[in-house]
Amino acid sequence: MQKEEFAIIPLLILGLLKDCGQSSAYELLSVFKERDYRYLVHMTKGSLYYNLQKLAGEGLVRLVEVVSVNNYPEQYIYEITPQGDEHFKGLMAKYSLQTDDITLAFYMTTLFAHQYDSEQFKAAVAVQMEQTRRKIAEIDHALDAKQDKIYDTAKSMMNNVRAHHELNLKWFQELLEQ
């Protein structure tokens, strides 16, 4: 079964192509990084290339041209097709109505914390707190430094993720006190 996070990468690629127009995979990845969408979805270079090829094979994007400048490797320029636009609309409908539970591997460990060494569990909670504070700081930095490059809806989502991390910090503190 494919992880839902990876299943939405086609939506991300199609959405970026709609935003940016004709683009290479490198350009799409650059926009992904520039907008700090990594706080919203995990996408590697490999998963981008794999999904872009899959979308092309399905006729949802098409190769427009191959360019090579100054003996650099060739770049394949893609654009979304009318079928890809319809598929994008379908994915938007599907995922905008989806109501998943938040799942995090750490959450599962709390169900059995009573079966685990308490000092090791406290150390794990401390690591979670440290990493969560780091994520909050990274989101704050991205929101401050890239205000003009991130759409309002993405800013709103990043603020929602930040609020979730803040709530986790409070919960982690409660776990330490139990």
N, C-alpha and C. Protein backbone atom coordinates (compact mmCIF):
# COMPACT_ATOMS: atom_id res chain seq x y z
N MET A 1 0.84 -1.18 0.00
CA MET A 1 0.00 0.00 0.00
C MET A 1 0.89 1.25 0.00
N GLN A 2 0.58 2.17 -0.85
CA GLN A 2 1.40 3.38 -0.98
C GLN A 2 1.06 4.36 0.13
N LYS A 3 2.09 4.91 0.76
CA LYS A 3 1.87 5.91 1.78
C LYS A 3 1.15 7.10 1.16
N GLU A 4 0.15 7.63 1.86
CA GLU A 4 -0.65 8.74 1.33
C GLU A 4 0.22 9.95 1.01
N GLU A 5 1.25 10.16 1.82
CA GLU A 5 2.14 11.30 1.58
C GLU A 5 2.77 11.22 0.19
N PHE A 6 3.16 10.01 -0.22
CA PHE A 6 3.76 9.84 -1.54
C PHE A 6 2.69 9.85 -2.63
N ALA A 7 1.47 9.46 -2.27
CA ALA A 7 0.39 9.43 -3.26
C ALA A 7 -0.02 10.83 -3.68
N ILE A 8 0.27 11.84 -2.87
CA ILE A 8 -0.13 13.20 -3.25
C ILE A 8 0.95 13.94 -4.04
N ILE A 9 2.07 13.31 -4.28
CA ILE A 9 3.13 13.95 -5.07
C ILE A 9 2.65 14.29 -6.48
N PRO A 10 1.85 13.43 -7.14
CA PRO A 10 1.33 13.85 -8.44
C PRO A 10 0.52 15.15 -8.36
N LEU A 11 -0.26 15.31 -7.31
CA LEU A 11 -1.00 16.57 -7.11
C LEU A 11 -0.02 17.74 -6.99
N LEU A 12 1.03 17.54 -6.24
CA LEU A 12 2.04 18.59 -6.07
C LEU A 12 2.68 18.95 -7.40
N ILE A 13 3.07 17.96 -8.17
CA ILE A 13 3.73 18.21 -9.47
C ILE A 13 2.77 18.93 -10.42
N LEU A 14 1.55 18.43 -10.52
CA LEU A 14 0.59 19.06 -11.42
C LEU A 14 0.30 20.49 -10.98
N GLY A 15 0.17 20.70 -9.68
CA GLY A 15 -0.07 22.05 -9.16
C GLY A 15 1.09 22.99 -9.44
N LEU A 16 2.31 22.49 -9.29
CA LEU A 16 3.48 23.33 -9.59
C LEU A 16 3.55 23.66 -11.08
N LEU A 17 3.23 22.68 -11.93
CA LEU A 17 3.21 22.96 -13.37
C LEU A 17 2.13 23.98 -13.71
N LYS A 18 1.01 23.92 -13.04
CA LYS A 18 -0.04 24.91 -13.27
C LYS A 18 0.44 26.30 -12.82
N ASP A 19 1.14 26.35 -11.70
CA ASP A 19 1.67 27.62 -11.19
C ASP A 19 2.76 28.18 -12.10
N CYS A 20 3.68 27.31 -12.51
CA CYS A 20 4.91 27.76 -13.16
C CYS A 20 4.87 27.68 -14.68
N GLY A 21 3.94 26.96 -15.24
CA GLY A 21 3.95 26.75 -16.68
C GLY A 21 5.02 25.74 -17.05
N GLN A 22 5.47 25.79 -18.29
CA GLN A 22 6.47 24.83 -18.76
C GLN A 22 7.70 24.89 -17.88
N SER A 23 8.11 23.72 -17.38
CA SER A 23 9.23 23.67 -16.43
C SER A 23 9.95 22.34 -16.52
N SER A 24 11.21 22.36 -16.12
CA SER A 24 11.98 21.13 -15.99
C SER A 24 11.78 20.60 -14.57
N ALA A 25 12.17 19.36 -14.35
CA ALA A 25 12.10 18.78 -13.01
C ALA A 25 12.95 19.59 -12.04
N TYR A 26 14.11 20.03 -12.51
CA TYR A 26 14.99 20.85 -11.68
C TYR A 26 14.29 22.14 -11.25
N GLU A 27 13.60 22.78 -12.19
CA GLU A 27 12.88 24.02 -11.87
C GLU A 27 11.75 23.76 -10.88
N LEU A 28 11.04 22.66 -11.06
CA LEU A 28 9.96 22.32 -10.12
C LEU A 28 10.50 22.08 -8.72
N LEU A 29 11.61 21.36 -8.64
CA LEU A 29 12.23 21.10 -7.35
C LEU A 29 12.71 22.40 -6.71
N SER A 30 13.22 23.31 -7.50
CA SER A 30 13.67 24.60 -6.99
C SER A 30 12.50 25.40 -6.40
N VAL A 31 11.37 25.39 -7.09
CA VAL A 31 10.19 26.11 -6.59
C VAL A 31 9.69 25.44 -5.30
N PHE A 32 9.69 24.11 -5.28
CA PHE A 32 9.29 23.34 -4.09
C PHE A 32 10.14 23.78 -2.90
N LYS A 33 11.45 23.86 -3.11
CA LYS A 33 12.36 24.27 -2.03
C LYS A 33 12.21 25.74 -1.69
N GLU A 34 12.08 26.58 -2.71
CA GLU A 34 11.94 28.03 -2.50
C GLU A 34 10.71 28.35 -1.65
N ARG A 35 9.64 27.64 -1.89
CA ARG A 35 8.38 27.87 -1.15
C ARG A 35 8.33 27.11 0.17
N ASP A 36 9.37 26.35 0.47
CA ASP A 36 9.44 25.57 1.70
C ASP A 36 8.26 24.63 1.87
N TYR A 37 7.86 23.99 0.80
CA TYR A 37 6.77 23.03 0.88
C TYR A 37 7.19 21.75 1.60
N ARG A 38 8.47 21.63 1.93
CA ARG A 38 8.94 20.44 2.65
C ARG A 38 8.28 20.34 4.01
N TYR A 39 7.74 21.44 4.51
CA TYR A 39 7.03 21.39 5.78
C TYR A 39 5.64 20.79 5.62
N LEU A 40 5.21 20.65 4.39
CA LEU A 40 3.87 20.15 4.11
C LEU A 40 3.86 18.75 3.54
N VAL A 41 4.91 18.40 2.78
CA VAL A 41 4.99 17.08 2.18
C VAL A 41 6.46 16.71 1.98
N HIS A 42 6.75 15.44 2.13
CA HIS A 42 8.12 14.96 1.91
C HIS A 42 8.25 14.52 0.45
N MET A 43 9.14 15.17 -0.28
CA MET A 43 9.38 14.79 -1.67
C MET A 43 10.88 14.83 -1.93
N THR A 44 11.41 13.72 -2.40
CA THR A 44 12.82 13.66 -2.76
C THR A 44 12.96 13.94 -4.25
N LYS A 45 14.20 14.18 -4.67
CA LYS A 45 14.46 14.37 -6.10
C LYS A 45 14.04 13.12 -6.87
N GLY A 46 14.35 11.97 -6.32
CA GLY A 46 13.99 10.71 -6.97
C GLY A 46 12.49 10.53 -7.12
N SER A 47 11.74 10.87 -6.07
CA SER A 47 10.28 10.72 -6.17
C SER A 47 9.69 11.73 -7.15
N LEU A 48 10.30 12.91 -7.24
CA LEU A 48 9.85 13.89 -8.23
C LEU A 48 10.04 13.35 -9.64
N TYR A 49 11.25 12.89 -9.95
CA TYR A 49 11.54 12.36 -11.28
C TYR A 49 10.67 11.15 -11.60
N TYR A 50 10.55 10.25 -10.65
CA TYR A 50 9.73 9.05 -10.86
C TYR A 50 8.29 9.43 -11.18
N ASN A 51 7.70 10.31 -10.37
CA ASN A 51 6.31 10.69 -10.57
C ASN A 51 6.12 11.52 -11.84
N LEU A 52 7.09 12.33 -12.18
CA LEU A 52 7.00 13.11 -13.42
C LEU A 52 6.98 12.17 -14.63
N GLN A 53 7.84 11.16 -14.61
CA GLN A 53 7.86 10.17 -15.70
C GLN A 53 6.54 9.39 -15.75
N LYS A 54 6.03 9.04 -14.59
CA LYS A 54 4.76 8.31 -14.52
C LYS A 54 3.62 9.17 -15.08
N LEU A 55 3.59 10.44 -14.70
CA LEU A 55 2.56 11.36 -15.21
C LEU A 55 2.68 11.51 -16.73
N ALA A 56 3.92 11.56 -17.23
CA ALA A 56 4.12 11.65 -18.68
C ALA A 56 3.62 10.38 -19.37
N GLY A 57 3.90 9.24 -18.78
CA GLY A 57 3.44 7.97 -19.34
C GLY A 57 1.93 7.86 -19.37
N GLU A 58 1.27 8.53 -18.44
CA GLU A 58 -0.19 8.50 -18.37
C GLU A 58 -0.82 9.61 -19.21
N GLY A 59 0.01 10.42 -19.86
CA GLY A 59 -0.51 11.50 -20.69
C GLY A 59 -1.01 12.71 -19.92
N LEU A 60 -0.62 12.81 -18.66
CA LEU A 60 -1.08 13.92 -17.83
C LEU A 60 -0.15 15.14 -17.91
N VAL A 61 1.10 14.88 -18.28
CA VAL A 61 2.05 15.94 -18.63
C VAL A 61 2.71 15.50 -19.94
N ARG A 62 3.26 16.46 -20.65
CA ARG A 62 3.94 16.09 -21.90
C ARG A 62 5.28 16.80 -21.97
N LEU A 63 6.18 16.12 -22.62
CA LEU A 63 7.50 16.67 -22.88
C LEU A 63 7.36 17.71 -23.98
N VAL A 64 7.81 18.93 -23.71
CA VAL A 64 7.70 20.02 -24.67
C VAL A 64 8.98 20.17 -25.47
N GLU A 65 10.11 20.10 -24.75
CA GLU A 65 11.40 20.22 -25.43
C GLU A 65 12.51 19.71 -24.53
N VAL A 66 13.63 19.46 -25.15
CA VAL A 66 14.83 19.06 -24.43
C VAL A 66 15.87 20.14 -24.71
N VAL A 67 16.40 20.72 -23.64
CA VAL A 67 17.37 21.80 -23.81
C VAL A 67 18.69 21.42 -23.17
N SER A 68 19.76 21.89 -23.77
CA SER A 68 21.09 21.69 -23.23
C SER A 68 21.86 22.98 -23.48
N VAL A 69 22.39 23.54 -22.41
CA VAL A 69 23.10 24.81 -22.52
C VAL A 69 24.54 24.61 -22.04
N ASN A 70 25.49 25.06 -22.82
CA ASN A 70 26.91 25.03 -22.44
C ASN A 70 27.38 23.65 -21.97
N ASN A 71 27.01 22.63 -22.68
CA ASN A 71 27.43 21.26 -22.39
C ASN A 71 26.94 20.72 -21.05
N TYR A 72 25.93 21.37 -20.46
CA TYR A 72 25.32 20.83 -19.25
C TYR A 72 24.39 19.70 -19.65
N PRO A 73 24.06 18.83 -18.71
CA PRO A 73 23.14 17.74 -19.06
C PRO A 73 21.81 18.29 -19.59
N GLU A 74 21.19 17.49 -20.41
CA GLU A 74 19.92 17.89 -21.01
C GLU A 74 18.86 18.06 -19.93
N GLN A 75 18.00 19.06 -20.13
CA GLN A 75 16.86 19.26 -19.26
C GLN A 75 15.60 19.02 -20.07
N TYR A 76 14.71 18.24 -19.51
CA TYR A 76 13.45 17.94 -20.17
C TYR A 76 12.39 18.91 -19.64
N ILE A 77 11.79 19.65 -20.55
CA ILE A 77 10.80 20.65 -20.18
C ILE A 77 9.41 20.05 -20.38
N TYR A 78 8.60 20.11 -19.31
CA TYR A 78 7.26 19.51 -19.33
C TYR A 78 6.19 20.59 -19.17
N GLU A 79 4.97 20.21 -19.60
CA GLU A 79 3.81 21.04 -19.32
C GLU A 79 2.64 20.12 -19.03
N ILE A 80 1.66 20.66 -18.34
CA ILE A 80 0.47 19.89 -18.02
C ILE A 80 -0.42 19.81 -19.26
N THR A 81 -1.03 18.66 -19.48
CA THR A 81 -1.94 18.47 -20.61
C THR A 81 -3.37 18.76 -20.15
N PRO A 82 -4.31 18.88 -21.10
CA PRO A 82 -5.72 19.03 -20.70
C PRO A 82 -6.20 17.86 -19.81
N GLN A 83 -5.73 16.63 -20.12
CA GLN A 83 -6.07 15.48 -19.28
C GLN A 83 -5.45 15.64 -17.89
N GLY A 84 -4.24 16.18 -17.86
CA GLY A 84 -3.57 16.43 -16.58
C GLY A 84 -4.31 17.47 -15.76
N ASP A 85 -4.85 18.48 -16.43
CA ASP A 85 -5.63 19.50 -15.74
C ASP A 85 -6.89 18.89 -15.13
N GLU A 86 -7.55 17.99 -15.87
CA GLU A 86 -8.73 17.30 -15.34
C GLU A 86 -8.34 16.39 -14.17
N HIS A 87 -7.22 15.69 -14.30
CA HIS A 87 -6.73 14.83 -13.22
C HIS A 87 -6.41 15.66 -11.98
N PHE A 88 -5.79 16.82 -12.18
CA PHE A 88 -5.50 17.74 -11.08
C PHE A 88 -6.79 18.11 -10.35
N LYS A 89 -7.82 18.44 -11.10
CA LYS A 89 -9.11 18.80 -10.48
C LYS A 89 -9.67 17.63 -9.68
N GLY A 90 -9.53 16.43 -10.21
CA GLY A 90 -9.99 15.24 -9.49
C GLY A 90 -9.22 15.00 -8.21
N LEU A 91 -7.90 15.17 -8.27
CA LEU A 91 -7.07 15.01 -7.07
C LEU A 91 -7.41 16.09 -6.04
N MET A 92 -7.64 17.30 -6.50
CA MET A 92 -8.02 18.38 -5.57
C MET A 92 -9.33 18.02 -4.87
N ALA A 93 -10.29 17.51 -5.63
CA ALA A 93 -11.57 17.11 -5.04
C ALA A 93 -11.37 15.98 -4.03
N LYS A 94 -10.56 15.00 -4.40
CA LYS A 94 -10.32 13.85 -3.52
C LYS A 94 -9.65 14.28 -2.21
N TYR A 95 -8.54 15.00 -2.32
CA TYR A 95 -7.76 15.30 -1.13
C TYR A 95 -8.34 16.46 -0.31
N SER A 96 -9.09 17.34 -0.95
CA SER A 96 -9.66 18.44 -0.17
C SER A 96 -10.80 17.96 0.71
N LEU A 97 -11.36 16.79 0.41
CA LEU A 97 -12.45 16.24 1.21
C LEU A 97 -11.99 15.14 2.17
N GLN A 98 -10.73 14.78 2.11
CA GLN A 98 -10.20 13.69 2.92
C GLN A 98 -9.96 14.17 4.34
N THR A 99 -10.36 13.36 5.31
CA THR A 99 -10.16 13.70 6.72
C THR A 99 -9.39 12.59 7.40
N ASP A 100 -8.08 12.63 7.30
CA ASP A 100 -7.22 11.61 7.89
C ASP A 100 -6.91 11.94 9.34
N ASP A 101 -6.68 10.88 10.10
CA ASP A 101 -6.15 11.07 11.43
C ASP A 101 -4.68 11.39 11.30
N ILE A 102 -4.18 12.19 12.22
CA ILE A 102 -2.74 12.48 12.23
C ILE A 102 -2.04 11.26 12.79
N THR A 103 -1.07 10.77 12.04
CA THR A 103 -0.32 9.60 12.52
C THR A 103 1.16 9.94 12.54
N LEU A 104 1.78 9.58 13.60
CA LEU A 104 3.21 9.78 13.78
C LEU A 104 3.70 8.56 14.54
N ALA A 105 4.80 8.01 14.11
CA ALA A 105 5.31 6.79 14.75
C ALA A 105 5.44 6.96 16.26
N PHE A 106 5.86 8.15 16.68
CA PHE A 106 6.02 8.37 18.12
C PHE A 106 4.70 8.20 18.86
N TYR A 107 3.60 8.60 18.24
CA TYR A 107 2.30 8.47 18.90
C TYR A 107 2.05 7.03 19.32
N MET A 108 2.40 6.10 18.43
CA MET A 108 2.18 4.69 18.73
C MET A 108 2.99 4.26 19.94
N THR A 109 4.19 4.79 20.10
CA THR A 109 5.02 4.37 21.24
C THR A 109 4.42 4.82 22.56
N THR A 110 3.65 5.91 22.54
CA THR A 110 3.06 6.36 23.81
C THR A 110 1.99 5.39 24.30
N LEU A 111 1.42 4.60 23.40
CA LEU A 111 0.42 3.62 23.81
C LEU A 111 1.01 2.54 24.71
N PHE A 112 2.33 2.32 24.56
CA PHE A 112 2.98 1.25 25.30
C PHE A 112 4.13 1.76 26.16
N ALA A 113 4.10 3.04 26.48
CA ALA A 113 5.18 3.62 27.30
C ALA A 113 5.28 2.91 28.65
N HIS A 114 4.18 2.43 29.17
CA HIS A 114 4.19 1.73 30.46
C HIS A 114 4.95 0.41 30.39
N GLN A 115 5.20 -0.08 29.19
CA GLN A 115 5.95 -1.33 29.01
C GLN A 115 7.43 -1.08 28.73
N TYR A 116 7.83 0.18 28.73
CA TYR A 116 9.18 0.58 28.32
C TYR A 116 9.90 1.19 29.51
N ASP A 117 11.21 1.16 29.46
CA ASP A 117 12.02 1.77 30.51
C ASP A 117 11.68 3.27 30.59
N SER A 118 11.30 3.75 31.75
CA SER A 118 10.83 5.13 31.89
C SER A 118 11.91 6.16 31.55
N GLU A 119 13.15 5.87 31.90
CA GLU A 119 14.23 6.83 31.59
C GLU A 119 14.48 6.91 30.09
N GLN A 120 14.42 5.77 29.42
CA GLN A 120 14.60 5.77 27.97
C GLN A 120 13.44 6.49 27.28
N PHE A 121 12.24 6.30 27.82
CA PHE A 121 11.09 6.99 27.23
C PHE A 121 11.22 8.50 27.44
N LYS A 122 11.64 8.92 28.63
CA LYS A 122 11.84 10.35 28.89
C LYS A 122 12.90 10.92 27.94
N ALA A 123 13.95 10.16 27.70
CA ALA A 123 14.99 10.62 26.76
C ALA A 123 14.41 10.76 25.36
N ALA A 124 13.55 9.82 24.98
CA ALA A 124 12.90 9.90 23.66
C ALA A 124 12.00 11.12 23.57
N VAL A 125 11.28 11.40 24.64
CA VAL A 125 10.41 12.58 24.66
C VAL A 125 11.26 13.84 24.54
N ALA A 126 12.39 13.87 25.21
CA ALA A 126 13.28 15.03 25.12
C ALA A 126 13.77 15.24 23.68
N VAL A 127 14.08 14.16 22.99
CA VAL A 127 14.49 14.25 21.58
C VAL A 127 13.33 14.79 20.75
N GLN A 128 12.12 14.29 21.00
CA GLN A 128 10.95 14.79 20.28
C GLN A 128 10.77 16.29 20.51
N MET A 129 10.97 16.73 21.74
CA MET A 129 10.82 18.16 22.06
C MET A 129 11.86 19.00 21.32
N GLU A 130 13.09 18.51 21.33
CA GLU A 130 14.17 19.24 20.65
C GLU A 130 13.89 19.35 19.15
N GLN A 131 13.50 18.24 18.55
CA GLN A 131 13.21 18.24 17.12
C GLN A 131 11.99 19.11 16.79
N THR A 132 11.02 19.10 17.65
CA THR A 132 9.81 19.91 17.44
C THR A 132 10.15 21.39 17.53
N ARG A 133 10.97 21.76 18.50
CA ARG A 133 11.39 23.18 18.60
C ARG A 133 12.16 23.59 17.34
N ARG A 134 12.99 22.68 16.83
CA ARG A 134 13.74 22.97 15.60
C ARG A 134 12.78 23.18 14.43
N LYS A 135 11.78 22.33 14.32
CA LYS A 135 10.80 22.46 13.24
C LYS A 135 10.05 23.78 13.34
N ILE A 136 9.68 24.17 14.54
CA ILE A 136 8.99 25.45 14.74
C ILE A 136 9.88 26.60 14.31
N ALA A 137 11.15 26.55 14.70
CA ALA A 137 12.09 27.62 14.32
C ALA A 137 12.27 27.67 12.79
N GLU A 138 12.33 26.51 12.15
CA GLU A 138 12.48 26.48 10.69
C GLU A 138 11.24 27.05 10.00
N ILE A 139 10.08 26.71 10.50
CA ILE A 139 8.84 27.25 9.92
C ILE A 139 8.80 28.76 10.12
N ASP A 140 9.14 29.22 11.32
CA ASP A 140 9.16 30.67 11.58
C ASP A 140 10.11 31.38 10.63
N HIS A 141 11.28 30.79 10.43
CA HIS A 141 12.25 31.39 9.52
C HIS A 141 11.71 31.45 8.10
N ALA A 142 11.12 30.36 7.66
CA ALA A 142 10.58 30.31 6.29
C ALA A 142 9.47 31.34 6.12
N LEU A 143 8.60 31.45 7.10
CA LEU A 143 7.50 32.42 7.00
C LEU A 143 8.01 33.85 7.02
N ASP A 144 9.06 34.11 7.79
CA ASP A 144 9.62 35.47 7.86
C ASP A 144 10.43 35.81 6.60
N ALA A 145 11.28 34.88 6.19
CA ALA A 145 12.22 35.17 5.11
C ALA A 145 11.60 35.09 3.72
N LYS A 146 10.52 34.36 3.59
CA LYS A 146 9.98 34.12 2.24
C LYS A 146 8.52 34.55 2.11
N GLN A 147 8.14 35.59 2.81
CA GLN A 147 6.76 36.04 2.80
C GLN A 147 6.22 36.28 1.40
N ASP A 148 7.07 36.83 0.52
CA ASP A 148 6.62 37.18 -0.83
C ASP A 148 6.64 36.00 -1.80
N LYS A 149 7.18 34.86 -1.38
CA LYS A 149 7.30 33.72 -2.28
C LYS A 149 6.33 32.59 -1.93
N ILE A 150 5.66 32.70 -0.81
CA ILE A 150 4.76 31.65 -0.36
C ILE A 150 3.32 32.17 -0.45
N TYR A 151 2.46 31.43 -1.12
CA TYR A 151 1.06 31.83 -1.24
C TYR A 151 0.38 31.85 0.13
N ASP A 152 -0.65 32.67 0.26
CA ASP A 152 -1.35 32.82 1.53
C ASP A 152 -1.89 31.49 2.05
N THR A 153 -2.41 30.66 1.16
CA THR A 153 -2.94 29.37 1.61
C THR A 153 -1.82 28.47 2.15
N ALA A 154 -0.65 28.53 1.53
CA ALA A 154 0.49 27.75 2.04
C ALA A 154 0.97 28.32 3.37
N LYS A 155 0.97 29.65 3.50
CA LYS A 155 1.33 30.26 4.79
C LYS A 155 0.37 29.80 5.88
N SER A 156 -0.90 29.77 5.54
CA SER A 156 -1.91 29.33 6.49
C SER A 156 -1.65 27.89 6.91
N MET A 157 -1.34 27.03 5.96
CA MET A 157 -1.05 25.63 6.27
C MET A 157 0.20 25.51 7.13
N MET A 158 1.23 26.29 6.79
CA MET A 158 2.46 26.24 7.59
C MET A 158 2.19 26.72 9.02
N ASN A 159 1.33 27.72 9.18
CA ASN A 159 0.96 28.18 10.52
C ASN A 159 0.18 27.10 11.26
N ASN A 160 -0.65 26.35 10.53
CA ASN A 160 -1.39 25.25 11.13
C ASN A 160 -0.43 24.15 11.60
N VAL A 161 0.56 23.82 10.76
CA VAL A 161 1.56 22.83 11.15
C VAL A 161 2.33 23.31 12.36
N ARG A 162 2.66 24.61 12.37
CA ARG A 162 3.38 25.19 13.50
C ARG A 162 2.55 25.06 14.78
N ALA A 163 1.25 25.37 14.70
CA ALA A 163 0.37 25.26 15.86
C ALA A 163 0.30 23.82 16.35
N HIS A 164 0.29 22.88 15.41
CA HIS A 164 0.29 21.46 15.80
C HIS A 164 1.58 21.13 16.57
N HIS A 165 2.71 21.63 16.09
CA HIS A 165 3.97 21.40 16.79
C HIS A 165 3.95 22.03 18.19
N GLU A 166 3.38 23.22 18.31
CA GLU A 166 3.27 23.87 19.63
C GLU A 166 2.43 23.02 20.57
N LEU A 167 1.34 22.48 20.06
CA LEU A 167 0.49 21.62 20.87
C LEU A 167 1.24 20.36 21.28
N ASN A 168 2.03 19.80 20.36
CA ASN A 168 2.85 18.64 20.70
C ASN A 168 3.84 18.97 21.81
N LEU A 169 4.45 20.14 21.76
CA LEU A 169 5.39 20.52 22.82
C LEU A 169 4.71 20.50 24.19
N LYS A 170 3.51 21.03 24.24
CA LYS A 170 2.75 21.03 25.50
C LYS A 170 2.48 19.60 25.95
N TRP A 171 2.07 18.76 25.00
CA TRP A 171 1.79 17.37 25.31
C TRP A 171 3.06 16.63 25.76
N PHE A 172 4.18 16.88 25.07
CA PHE A 172 5.44 16.24 25.46
C PHE A 172 5.80 16.60 26.90
N GLN A 173 5.60 17.86 27.27
CA GLN A 173 5.89 18.29 28.64
C GLN A 173 5.01 17.53 29.63
N GLU A 174 3.74 17.35 29.29
CA GLU A 174 2.84 16.59 30.14
C GLU A 174 3.30 15.14 30.27
N LEU A 175 3.80 14.57 29.17
CA LEU A 175 4.31 13.20 29.24
C LEU A 175 5.48 13.10 30.20
N LEU A 176 6.35 14.10 30.17
CA LEU A 176 7.51 14.09 31.08
C LEU A 176 7.08 14.19 32.54
N GLU A 177 5.99 14.88 32.78
CA GLU A 177 5.52 15.09 34.15
C GLU A 177 4.72 13.91 34.68
N GLN A 178 4.30 13.00 33.82
CA GLN A 178 3.48 11.86 34.26
C GLN A 178 4.34 10.81 34.92
